[in-house]
Amino acid sequence: MGSTSPPKGCGSSISSIFYNLCDLTTVWGVVVEAVATAGVVTSFVLFIVLMACLPFVTDKKRKAMVALQAGILVFTLGLFGLTFAFIVGRYSTSCAARRFLFGVLFSGCLSCLMMHALWLALLQRGRGPRCWMFCLGALGLWMVEVIINTEWLITTVVRSSPGDEAAPDLSCSFDNLDFVMALIYVMVLLVAAVVMSVPTVTHKQKQWRRDGAFILVTGLFTLVIWVTWIVMYLHGNQVVGSPSWDDPTLAIALVSNAWVFLFFYSIPEISLLTKEDPDHPLDDGDHVYPTRSLVYDNILKEPETRPQNMYIENKAFSMDEPTVSIRPESPYGSYNGQMRSCVYQPTEIALMAKGLRVKAMLPRARTPSLNPGCVGSLPRSHVSQRELPTLKAMRLSST
């Protein structure tokens, strides 16, 4: 920041605090800036995709966790944006953003991960609390870190001797150890998320085992990144003898951890969001058209129960054929006195003209009658060979 001439790649009108954004001699600033910009765009696109997929989610259980997943995307977007505060030089605004937002954004992501792991653990044992309770739990865990960082920032910035003048960069005057100690609560959330996600890997259902694996892998990678940057931030610079790697260490830790949240949690969860619920699979469309089943099933299935009504024998035309009777019976033995006008006997042509179904037809009456108009209903076994001419004549006269 103290150089008078701008470095290679920076114009003369650019302030010295922004040299890391354009200095081609220190490549780390340009590379981290490009990766952080890509992360901002990716996080925003994933958030839009998540909101667009919400109406198409068929699994109600998975839909309940959309709020936590959206929260992680929002906090991850903030992590990518905070990276620029570590790329630019130190001044009052950038230092205040570093000290306050570093723990706040990480605690938001880890709180959502922890609540998701808790939901999976409760789901394995049975019915768990409702979604809004987990959202309130994540909000409560996040607010604790907000309060801690607010108190730490106010205490360190306002702290000054009565006779001393307040320096403009007082917010930047903090030790590395103080910065790490202010993040103890975030470390506790990280360890809790990892420990709570371990039982979810052995879930009964495969789909929830995958969710638990996503949370566990994300937590383990985050844990490795935190251990690395803390060791480098506290002891690495002491070994090297120069604090020049403080800002690059924190910037690289931010952008790498944010991409871990995207690659190992957000993107896999969004890809599984529209998967079909295996416990309640969708039908092939019968539930959409219930009347189709009522109409066509009756037409196809009911004739099977009454096959004897499928065909109706025309007795009038079958009397011309001679039949052999085992035992001679009287043709008027079963006469019950019912006249032709009392029995409705529709013909097949009339039924076809009216469009009636065969299964709805009444069987023709089989009761013989002395009325000439009822001769057509006499069974063949009741008519002898001698009476055939007489019966034919009676039938013609009746027509």
Protein backbone atom coordinates (compact mmCIF):
# COMPACT_ATOMS: atom_id res chain seq x y z
CA MET A 1 0.00 0.00 0.00
CA GLY A 2 2.94 2.34 0.53
CA SER A 3 4.25 2.21 -3.06
CA THR A 4 4.04 5.46 -4.98
CA SER A 5 3.95 4.12 -8.53
CA PRO A 6 1.17 1.72 -9.53
CA PRO A 7 2.23 -1.88 -10.22
CA LYS A 8 1.96 -3.60 -13.58
CA GLY A 9 -1.66 -3.99 -14.63
CA CYS A 10 -3.03 -1.12 -12.52
CA GLY A 11 -3.76 2.39 -13.70
CA SER A 12 -2.51 5.58 -12.11
CA SER A 13 -6.02 6.56 -11.02
CA ILE A 14 -6.54 3.40 -8.93
CA SER A 15 -6.11 3.70 -5.18
CA SER A 16 -3.32 1.73 -3.57
CA ILE A 17 -5.73 -0.34 -1.49
CA PHE A 18 -7.04 -1.98 -4.70
CA TYR A 19 -3.67 -2.94 -6.14
CA ASN A 20 -4.17 -6.63 -5.29
CA LEU A 21 -7.17 -6.70 -7.63
CA CYS A 22 -5.12 -5.74 -10.68
CA ASP A 23 -1.48 -6.31 -9.82
CA LEU A 24 -0.09 -8.85 -12.27
CA THR A 25 3.09 -9.32 -10.24
CA THR A 26 1.12 -10.75 -7.30
CA VAL A 27 -1.03 -13.24 -9.14
CA TRP A 28 -2.88 -14.55 -6.08
CA GLY A 29 -5.16 -11.51 -5.94
CA VAL A 30 -6.23 -11.77 -9.58
CA VAL A 31 -6.78 -15.54 -9.38
CA VAL A 32 -8.78 -15.40 -6.17
CA GLU A 33 -10.81 -12.52 -7.56
CA ALA A 34 -11.71 -14.51 -10.68
CA VAL A 35 -12.63 -17.62 -8.70
CA ALA A 36 -14.72 -15.58 -6.26
CA THR A 37 -16.57 -13.86 -9.11
CA ALA A 38 -17.39 -17.22 -10.67
CA GLY A 39 -18.62 -18.38 -7.27
CA VAL A 40 -20.93 -15.38 -6.91
CA VAL A 41 -22.50 -16.08 -10.31
CA THR A 42 -22.81 -19.81 -9.60
CA SER A 43 -24.43 -19.27 -6.22
CA PHE A 44 -26.95 -16.85 -7.65
CA VAL A 45 -27.85 -19.20 -10.51
CA LEU A 46 -28.24 -22.14 -8.11
CA PHE A 47 -30.53 -20.09 -5.91
CA ILE A 48 -32.73 -19.25 -8.91
CA VAL A 49 -32.76 -22.92 -9.95
CA LEU A 50 -33.71 -23.95 -6.42
CA MET A 51 -36.65 -21.57 -6.36
CA ALA A 52 -37.72 -22.64 -9.86
CA CYS A 53 -37.69 -26.33 -8.90
CA LEU A 54 -39.83 -25.76 -5.82
CA PRO A 55 -43.24 -26.24 -7.57
CA PHE A 56 -42.04 -29.52 -9.11
CA VAL A 57 -40.92 -31.18 -5.88
CA THR A 58 -43.03 -34.30 -5.32
CA ASP A 59 -41.40 -35.49 -2.11
CA LYS A 60 -42.89 -33.54 0.79
CA LYS A 61 -40.08 -34.53 3.13
CA ARG A 62 -37.41 -33.26 0.78
CA LYS A 63 -39.43 -30.13 0.11
CA ALA A 64 -39.34 -29.32 3.81
CA MET A 65 -35.57 -28.83 3.66
CA VAL A 66 -35.61 -26.31 0.82
CA ALA A 67 -35.54 -23.40 3.27
CA LEU A 68 -32.30 -24.62 4.84
CA GLN A 69 -30.74 -25.25 1.43
CA ALA A 70 -31.69 -21.75 0.30
CA GLY A 71 -30.12 -20.36 3.46
CA ILE A 72 -26.84 -22.13 2.74
CA LEU A 73 -26.80 -20.69 -0.79
CA VAL A 74 -27.36 -17.18 0.54
CA PHE A 75 -24.57 -17.47 3.12
CA THR A 76 -22.27 -19.06 0.52
CA LEU A 77 -22.90 -16.12 -1.78
CA GLY A 78 -21.88 -13.88 1.11
CA LEU A 79 -18.63 -15.84 1.58
CA PHE A 80 -17.68 -15.27 -2.04
CA GLY A 81 -18.42 -11.58 -1.65
CA LEU A 82 -16.42 -11.33 1.57
CA THR A 83 -13.38 -12.66 -0.28
CA PHE A 84 -12.95 -9.26 -1.94
CA ALA A 85 -12.57 -7.65 1.51
CA PHE A 86 -9.44 -9.75 2.06
CA ILE A 87 -8.06 -9.05 -1.42
CA VAL A 88 -8.15 -5.27 -1.08
CA GLY A 89 -5.86 -3.47 1.33
CA ARG A 90 -6.63 -2.89 4.98
CA TYR A 91 -8.69 0.12 5.99
CA SER A 92 -11.46 0.74 8.52
CA THR A 93 -14.38 -0.56 6.43
CA SER A 94 -12.66 -3.66 5.08
CA CYS A 95 -11.29 -4.62 8.51
CA ALA A 96 -14.71 -4.24 10.14
CA ALA A 97 -16.27 -6.43 7.43
CA ARG A 98 -13.57 -9.05 7.91
CA ARG A 99 -13.97 -9.28 11.66
CA PHE A 100 -17.75 -9.29 11.70
CA LEU A 101 -18.82 -11.18 8.57
CA PHE A 102 -16.23 -13.98 8.62
CA GLY A 103 -17.77 -15.78 11.59
CA VAL A 104 -21.34 -14.69 10.84
CA LEU A 105 -21.40 -16.14 7.31
CA PHE A 106 -19.70 -19.38 8.30
CA SER A 107 -22.01 -19.84 11.27
CA GLY A 108 -25.02 -19.43 8.97
CA CYS A 109 -23.84 -22.21 6.65
CA LEU A 110 -22.88 -24.55 9.47
CA SER A 111 -26.13 -23.93 11.37
CA CYS A 112 -28.17 -24.98 8.33
CA LEU A 113 -25.99 -28.05 7.85
CA MET A 114 -26.35 -28.98 11.49
CA MET A 115 -30.15 -28.64 11.39
CA HIS A 116 -30.33 -30.74 8.24
CA ALA A 117 -28.26 -33.46 9.90
CA LEU A 118 -30.50 -33.30 12.97
CA TRP A 119 -33.58 -33.65 10.79
CA LEU A 120 -32.15 -36.76 9.14
CA ALA A 121 -31.29 -38.25 12.52
CA LEU A 122 -34.83 -37.68 13.81
CA LEU A 123 -36.33 -38.97 10.58
CA GLN A 124 -34.50 -42.26 11.06
CA ARG A 125 -36.19 -42.75 14.43
CA GLY A 126 -39.64 -41.71 13.31
CA ARG A 127 -41.59 -38.57 12.78
CA GLY A 128 -39.60 -35.47 13.69
CA PRO A 129 -40.57 -31.86 14.31
CA ARG A 130 -41.90 -29.63 11.56
CA CYS A 131 -39.76 -27.73 9.10
CA TRP A 132 -40.32 -24.31 10.63
CA MET A 133 -38.88 -25.57 13.92
CA PHE A 134 -35.60 -26.50 12.23
CA CYS A 135 -35.51 -23.12 10.51
CA LEU A 136 -35.99 -21.42 13.87
CA GLY A 137 -33.25 -23.61 15.33
CA ALA A 138 -30.82 -22.61 12.58
CA LEU A 139 -31.77 -18.98 13.05
CA GLY A 140 -31.16 -19.21 16.78
CA LEU A 141 -27.74 -20.80 16.35
CA TRP A 142 -26.81 -18.14 13.82
CA MET A 143 -27.94 -15.29 16.05
CA VAL A 144 -25.57 -16.44 18.80
CA GLU A 145 -22.56 -15.80 16.55
CA VAL A 146 -24.04 -12.48 15.44
CA ILE A 147 -24.21 -11.37 19.06
CA ILE A 148 -20.68 -12.60 19.81
CA ASN A 149 -19.13 -10.81 16.84
CA THR A 150 -21.09 -7.63 17.50
CA GLU A 151 -19.89 -7.47 21.09
CA TRP A 152 -16.29 -8.22 20.04
CA LEU A 153 -16.31 -5.57 17.33
CA ILE A 154 -17.80 -2.89 19.55
CA THR A 155 -15.46 -3.69 22.43
CA THR A 156 -12.28 -3.61 20.36
CA VAL A 157 -13.14 -0.59 18.22
CA VAL A 158 -14.41 1.64 21.01
CA ARG A 159 -11.62 0.59 23.35
CA SER A 160 -9.05 3.41 23.59
CA SER A 161 -7.33 5.41 26.24
CA PRO A 162 -9.04 8.67 27.29
CA GLY A 163 -6.07 10.81 26.26
CA ASP A 164 -5.41 9.07 22.93
CA GLU A 165 -6.90 10.12 19.66
CA ALA A 166 -8.90 7.47 17.88
CA ALA A 167 -6.95 6.19 14.95
CA PRO A 168 -8.87 5.80 11.66
CA ASP A 169 -7.80 2.16 11.30
CA LEU A 170 -8.52 1.14 14.88
CA SER A 171 -10.71 -1.72 13.65
CA CYS A 172 -7.63 -3.21 11.93
CA SER A 173 -5.52 -3.28 15.07
CA PHE A 174 -6.15 -6.84 16.25
CA ASP A 175 -3.93 -9.84 16.69
CA ASN A 176 -4.25 -13.04 14.71
CA LEU A 177 -4.89 -14.98 17.90
CA ASP A 178 -7.79 -12.68 18.79
CA PHE A 179 -9.34 -13.23 15.38
CA VAL A 180 -9.16 -17.01 15.80
CA MET A 181 -10.44 -16.95 19.38
CA ALA A 182 -13.52 -15.03 18.26
CA LEU A 183 -14.40 -17.96 15.98
CA ILE A 184 -14.53 -20.64 18.69
CA TYR A 185 -18.32 -20.83 18.50
CA VAL A 186 -18.10 -21.42 14.73
CA MET A 187 -15.67 -24.26 15.34
CA VAL A 188 -18.12 -25.80 17.79
CA LEU A 189 -20.86 -25.67 15.14
CA LEU A 190 -18.51 -27.30 12.63
CA VAL A 191 -17.66 -30.19 14.93
CA ALA A 192 -21.33 -30.62 15.88
CA ALA A 193 -22.38 -30.77 12.22
CA VAL A 194 -19.76 -33.43 11.47
CA VAL A 195 -20.62 -35.55 14.51
CA MET A 196 -24.36 -35.29 13.93
CA SER A 197 -24.06 -36.33 10.29
CA VAL A 198 -22.21 -39.57 11.07
CA PRO A 199 -25.34 -41.57 12.14
CA THR A 200 -27.25 -40.38 9.07
CA VAL A 201 -24.90 -42.28 6.77
CA THR A 202 -26.44 -45.53 8.06
CA HIS A 203 -30.00 -44.45 7.41
CA LYS A 204 -32.57 -47.11 6.53
CA GLN A 205 -33.48 -45.53 3.20
CA LYS A 206 -30.92 -44.99 0.48
CA GLN A 207 -32.08 -41.51 -0.46
CA TRP A 208 -31.52 -40.21 3.06
CA ARG A 209 -28.16 -41.96 3.33
CA ARG A 210 -27.01 -39.89 0.37
CA ASP A 211 -28.10 -36.69 2.08
CA GLY A 212 -26.19 -37.68 5.19
CA ALA A 213 -23.13 -38.48 3.10
CA PHE A 214 -23.28 -35.04 1.46
CA ILE A 215 -23.37 -33.33 4.85
CA LEU A 216 -20.57 -35.50 6.25
CA VAL A 217 -18.25 -34.93 3.28
CA THR A 218 -18.93 -31.19 3.34
CA GLY A 219 -18.19 -31.04 7.05
CA LEU A 220 -14.98 -33.03 6.76
CA PHE A 221 -13.62 -30.88 3.93
CA THR A 222 -14.55 -27.75 5.87
CA LEU A 223 -12.78 -29.10 8.93
CA VAL A 224 -9.63 -29.77 6.92
CA ILE A 225 -9.67 -26.27 5.44
CA TRP A 226 -10.14 -24.65 8.84
CA VAL A 227 -7.31 -26.60 10.44
CA THR A 228 -5.05 -25.66 7.53
CA TRP A 229 -5.71 -21.93 7.53
CA ILE A 230 -5.58 -21.65 11.33
CA VAL A 231 -2.19 -23.35 11.48
CA MET A 232 -0.90 -21.15 8.65
CA TYR A 233 -2.45 -18.01 10.12
CA LEU A 234 -1.06 -18.51 13.63
CA HIS A 235 2.24 -20.39 13.18
CA GLY A 236 3.15 -20.28 9.50
CA ASN A 237 3.92 -16.59 9.39
CA GLN A 238 6.00 -16.84 12.54
CA VAL A 239 8.16 -19.50 10.92
CA VAL A 240 8.51 -17.48 7.72
CA GLY A 241 9.08 -14.28 9.66
CA SER A 242 6.68 -12.14 7.64
CA PRO A 243 2.93 -11.47 8.02
CA SER A 244 2.48 -10.87 4.30
CA TRP A 245 0.54 -14.13 3.86
CA ASP A 246 -2.23 -13.23 6.33
CA ASP A 247 -4.66 -11.82 3.78
CA PRO A 248 -3.99 -14.45 1.07
CA THR A 249 -4.43 -17.22 3.63
CA LEU A 250 -7.87 -16.00 4.72
CA ALA A 251 -8.98 -15.17 1.17
CA ILE A 252 -8.03 -18.60 -0.17
CA ALA A 253 -9.71 -20.27 2.83
CA LEU A 254 -12.92 -18.35 2.16
CA VAL A 255 -13.19 -19.05 -1.54
CA SER A 256 -12.18 -22.71 -1.26
CA ASN A 257 -14.61 -23.40 1.58
CA ALA A 258 -17.42 -21.67 -0.28
CA TRP A 259 -16.83 -23.89 -3.31
CA VAL A 260 -16.91 -26.91 -1.01
CA PHE A 261 -20.40 -25.90 0.11
CA LEU A 262 -21.50 -25.67 -3.52
CA PHE A 263 -19.87 -28.79 -4.93
CA PHE A 264 -20.46 -31.24 -2.10
CA TYR A 265 -23.81 -30.05 -0.74
CA SER A 266 -25.82 -27.53 -2.75
CA ILE A 267 -25.44 -28.98 -6.24
CA PRO A 268 -26.11 -32.63 -5.18
CA GLU A 269 -29.12 -31.60 -3.10
CA ILE A 270 -30.64 -29.60 -5.95
CA SER A 271 -30.11 -32.51 -8.33
CA LEU A 272 -32.06 -34.78 -5.95
CA LEU A 273 -34.79 -32.25 -5.32
CA THR A 274 -37.08 -33.33 -8.15
CA LYS A 275 -36.57 -37.06 -7.65
CA GLU A 276 -39.71 -39.12 -7.23
CA ASP A 277 -40.64 -40.14 -3.70
CA PRO A 278 -40.06 -43.94 -3.48
CA ASP A 279 -42.57 -44.28 -0.65
CA HIS A 280 -45.35 -42.62 -2.67
CA PRO A 281 -44.69 -43.22 -6.38
CA LEU A 282 -46.85 -41.53 -8.95
CA ASP A 283 -49.44 -43.61 -10.85
CA ASP A 284 -49.54 -43.99 -14.62
CA GLY A 285 -52.29 -41.40 -14.93
CA ASP A 286 -55.35 -43.28 -13.64
CA HIS A 287 -55.60 -40.89 -10.70
CA VAL A 288 -55.94 -37.99 -13.14
CA TYR A 289 -58.81 -39.57 -15.09
CA PRO A 290 -60.91 -41.54 -12.59
CA THR A 291 -63.96 -41.65 -14.86
CA ARG A 292 -62.05 -43.63 -17.47
CA SER A 293 -61.65 -46.51 -15.07
CA LEU A 294 -65.31 -46.39 -14.03
CA VAL A 295 -66.67 -46.49 -17.59
CA TYR A 296 -64.28 -48.75 -19.44
CA ASP A 297 -63.78 -51.19 -16.60
CA ASN A 298 -67.53 -51.77 -16.41
CA ILE A 299 -67.73 -52.37 -20.15
CA LEU A 300 -64.80 -54.77 -20.17
CA LYS A 301 -65.33 -56.62 -16.92
CA GLU A 302 -69.09 -56.95 -16.48
CA PRO A 303 -69.71 -59.21 -19.49
CA GLU A 304 -67.25 -61.64 -17.95
CA THR A 305 -69.52 -62.06 -14.94
CA ARG A 306 -72.60 -62.73 -17.09
CA PRO A 307 -71.45 -64.46 -20.27
CA GLN A 308 -74.79 -66.11 -20.75
CA ASN A 309 -76.33 -62.77 -21.79
CA MET A 310 -73.79 -62.08 -24.51
CA TYR A 311 -75.79 -63.91 -27.17
CA ILE A 312 -79.57 -64.25 -27.36
CA GLU A 313 -81.06 -67.18 -29.17
CA ASN A 314 -83.78 -66.39 -31.68
CA LYS A 315 -86.40 -69.04 -31.10
CA ALA A 316 -88.56 -67.96 -34.01
CA PHE A 317 -85.93 -68.88 -36.60
CA SER A 318 -84.64 -71.96 -34.82
CA MET A 319 -88.00 -73.75 -34.84
CA ASP A 320 -87.49 -74.75 -38.47
CA GLU A 321 -84.77 -77.14 -37.44
CA PRO A 322 -85.95 -80.54 -36.29
CA THR A 323 -84.96 -81.50 -32.80
CA VAL A 324 -84.87 -84.84 -31.11
CA SER A 325 -86.45 -84.95 -27.68
CA ILE A 326 -85.45 -87.60 -25.26
CA ARG A 327 -88.80 -87.52 -23.47
CA PRO A 328 -91.98 -86.27 -25.24
CA GLU A 329 -93.61 -83.43 -23.37
CA SER A 330 -96.71 -81.43 -23.94
CA PRO A 331 -96.06 -78.11 -25.70
CA TYR A 332 -98.44 -76.36 -23.33
CA GLY A 333 -97.27 -77.94 -20.12
CA SER A 334 -95.57 -74.83 -18.83
CA TYR A 335 -98.12 -72.27 -19.96
CA ASN A 336 -98.76 -69.68 -17.21
CA GLY A 337 -101.53 -67.68 -18.85
CA GLN A 338 -99.40 -64.63 -19.69
CA MET A 339 -100.32 -62.94 -22.96
CA ARG A 340 -97.94 -61.58 -25.57
CA SER A 341 -98.92 -58.02 -24.74
CA CYS A 342 -97.68 -58.55 -21.19
CA VAL A 343 -94.19 -59.64 -22.14
CA TYR A 344 -91.85 -57.23 -23.87
CA GLN A 345 -89.54 -59.11 -26.23
CA PRO A 346 -87.26 -56.70 -28.12
CA THR A 347 -85.53 -58.05 -31.18
CA GLU A 348 -81.81 -57.86 -31.86
CA ILE A 349 -82.28 -55.30 -34.67
CA ALA A 350 -84.25 -53.00 -32.36
CA LEU A 351 -81.56 -53.23 -29.70
CA MET A 352 -78.85 -52.42 -32.22
CA ALA A 353 -80.83 -49.45 -33.55
CA LYS A 354 -81.26 -48.00 -30.08
CA GLY A 355 -77.55 -48.47 -29.29
CA LEU A 356 -78.19 -50.45 -26.13
CA ARG A 357 -75.41 -52.58 -24.74
CA VAL A 358 -75.77 -56.32 -24.81
CA LYS A 359 -75.12 -56.67 -21.11
CA ALA A 360 -78.10 -54.44 -20.27
CA MET A 361 -80.58 -56.57 -22.26
CA LEU A 362 -83.23 -58.67 -20.59
CA PRO A 363 -83.37 -62.31 -21.64
CA ARG A 364 -86.32 -63.17 -23.76
CA ALA A 365 -89.20 -64.82 -21.99
CA ARG A 366 -89.18 -68.54 -22.32
CA THR A 367 -92.73 -69.10 -21.15
CA PRO A 368 -94.92 -70.61 -23.87
CA SER A 369 -98.32 -69.14 -24.66
CA LEU A 370 -101.51 -70.23 -26.42
CA ASN A 371 -101.82 -66.81 -27.95
CA PRO A 372 -100.84 -66.98 -31.63
CA GLY A 373 -98.67 -63.94 -31.11
CA CYS A 374 -96.63 -65.84 -28.55
CA VAL A 375 -95.89 -68.84 -30.70
CA GLY A 376 -92.40 -67.52 -31.45
CA SER A 377 -91.47 -67.96 -27.81
CA LEU A 378 -92.25 -71.67 -27.58
CA PRO A 379 -89.18 -73.82 -26.95
CA ARG A 380 -88.19 -76.19 -29.70
CA SER A 381 -88.57 -79.22 -27.48
CA HIS A 382 -92.29 -78.47 -27.00
CA VAL A 383 -93.16 -78.43 -30.74
CA SER A 384 -93.71 -81.64 -32.59
CA GLN A 385 -93.27 -82.24 -36.31
CA ARG A 386 -97.01 -82.33 -36.89
CA GLU A 387 -97.62 -78.90 -35.45
CA LEU A 388 -94.88 -77.07 -37.42
CA PRO A 389 -97.06 -76.06 -40.43
CA THR A 390 -99.81 -74.80 -38.14
CA LEU A 391 -97.40 -72.78 -36.07
CA LYS A 392 -95.81 -71.22 -39.18
CA ALA A 393 -99.21 -70.17 -40.44
CA MET A 394 -100.10 -68.62 -37.09
CA ARG A 395 -96.84 -66.71 -37.07
CA LEU A 396 -97.42 -65.30 -40.58
CA SER A 397 -100.96 -64.26 -39.73
CA SER A 398 -99.76 -62.44 -36.63
CA THR A 399 -97.27 -60.38 -38.69
